[in-house]
Amino acid sequence: EGSPYYVNREKRFITDTPMDDEACLQFWMERIAAQVKEVDVDLPEDYEVFISPDATGYICRYYFVDHMICNVFWLEDIEPYTNELDLFPACSQDHLSNSPCH
């Protein structure tokens, strides 16, 4: 039940965006991979990236999941109330740091 998810296990990307727009998804997977290199971050051993491009394809929300410590993170500092994360008001930085893995 619920939305179908699409997984690229090799690249560790997950999306619920329909796969009829593979070019858009490929663009964002490559852009996020390039950003990882740009910021020179060491990714956890057991991670995945959830991506959610909007209908126009010009904006893509994403988050990383570290399955070892059940933590959600981004490549830049995120303020949950000033960034457009679509989070309920009960969420806080502490909640994000302790959120369960999906």
Protein backbone atom coordinates (compact mmCIF):
# COMPACT_ATOMS: atom_id res chain seq x y z
CA GLU A 1 0.00 0.00 0.00
CA GLY A 2 1.09 3.59 -0.51
CA SER A 3 3.31 5.08 -3.18
CA PRO A 4 5.63 2.86 -5.20
CA TYR A 5 9.33 3.51 -4.71
CA TYR A 6 12.01 3.07 -7.33
CA VAL A 7 15.51 2.06 -6.27
CA ASN A 8 18.87 2.25 -8.01
CA ARG A 9 20.90 -0.01 -5.72
CA GLU A 10 24.18 0.58 -7.53
CA LYS A 11 23.98 4.36 -7.11
CA ARG A 12 22.02 4.15 -3.82
CA PHE A 13 19.20 6.43 -4.97
CA ILE A 14 15.52 6.04 -4.10
CA THR A 15 12.58 8.01 -5.45
CA ASP A 16 8.82 7.90 -5.53
CA THR A 17 8.82 9.92 -8.76
CA PRO A 18 7.33 7.91 -11.63
CA MET A 19 10.02 6.45 -13.85
CA ASP A 20 8.44 7.83 -17.04
CA ASP A 21 10.82 10.80 -16.71
CA GLU A 22 14.10 8.91 -16.42
CA ALA A 23 16.10 11.80 -17.94
CA CYS A 24 15.04 14.10 -15.09
CA LEU A 25 15.90 11.50 -12.46
CA GLN A 26 19.26 10.79 -14.11
CA PHE A 27 20.04 14.53 -14.18
CA TRP A 28 19.38 14.88 -10.45
CA MET A 29 21.29 11.71 -9.53
CA GLU A 30 24.31 13.06 -11.43
CA ARG A 31 23.91 16.56 -9.93
CA ILE A 32 23.78 15.26 -6.36
CA ALA A 33 26.76 12.93 -6.99
CA ALA A 34 28.70 15.94 -8.33
CA GLN A 35 27.73 17.99 -5.28
CA VAL A 36 29.05 15.23 -3.00
CA LYS A 37 32.41 15.55 -4.77
CA GLU A 38 32.27 19.37 -4.66
CA VAL A 39 31.81 19.52 -0.90
CA ASP A 40 34.25 16.62 -0.41
CA VAL A 41 32.11 14.81 2.14
CA ASP A 42 32.82 11.30 3.37
CA LEU A 43 29.56 9.42 3.03
CA PRO A 44 28.66 6.77 5.59
CA GLU A 45 29.21 3.13 4.75
CA ASP A 46 25.50 2.26 4.59
CA TYR A 47 23.64 5.22 3.07
CA GLU A 48 20.91 5.97 0.54
CA VAL A 49 19.71 9.18 -1.09
CA PHE A 50 16.02 9.91 -1.48
CA ILE A 51 15.31 12.35 -4.34
CA SER A 52 12.04 14.07 -5.18
CA PRO A 53 12.11 16.35 -8.25
CA ASP A 54 9.14 18.68 -8.59
CA ALA A 55 6.82 18.50 -11.62
CA THR A 56 8.88 21.08 -13.53
CA GLY A 57 12.17 19.22 -13.00
CA TYR A 58 13.89 22.46 -11.94
CA ILE A 59 13.78 21.79 -8.21
CA CYS A 60 14.70 18.58 -6.44
CA ARG A 61 14.32 17.92 -2.74
CA TYR A 62 16.62 15.26 -1.35
CA TYR A 63 17.96 13.80 1.83
CA PHE A 64 20.57 11.21 2.73
CA VAL A 65 19.88 8.36 5.15
CA ASP A 66 22.66 6.81 7.21
CA HIS A 67 21.25 3.37 8.01
CA MET A 68 23.98 2.50 10.53
CA ILE A 69 22.95 5.25 12.95
CA CYS A 70 19.44 5.91 11.57
CA ASN A 71 20.17 9.54 10.76
CA VAL A 72 18.90 11.85 8.04
CA PHE A 73 21.28 14.47 6.65
CA TRP A 74 21.90 16.88 3.79
CA LEU A 75 25.05 18.16 2.09
CA GLU A 76 24.49 21.65 3.44
CA ASP A 77 23.22 23.00 6.73
CA ILE A 78 19.43 22.86 6.80
CA GLU A 79 17.06 24.84 8.98
CA PRO A 80 13.81 22.85 8.98
CA TYR A 81 11.57 25.92 9.28
CA THR A 82 13.26 28.17 6.72
CA ASN A 83 13.98 25.60 4.02
CA GLU A 84 11.05 24.20 2.08
CA LEU A 85 11.14 20.70 3.54
CA ASP A 86 7.39 20.21 3.91
CA LEU A 87 7.86 19.16 7.54
CA PHE A 88 5.16 19.38 10.16
CA PRO A 89 5.72 22.08 12.82
CA ALA A 90 6.44 19.42 15.48
CA CYS A 91 9.73 18.60 13.74
CA SER A 92 12.95 20.07 15.03
CA GLN A 93 16.67 19.61 14.46
CA ASP A 94 16.66 17.09 17.35
CA HIS A 95 13.83 15.15 15.72
CA LEU A 96 15.70 15.09 12.42
CA SER A 97 18.84 13.85 14.10
CA ASN A 98 16.94 11.01 15.75
CA SER A 99 14.51 10.10 12.98
CA PRO A 100 14.10 6.42 12.22
CA CYS A 101 15.36 5.05 8.95
CA HIS A 102 12.77 4.33 6.30
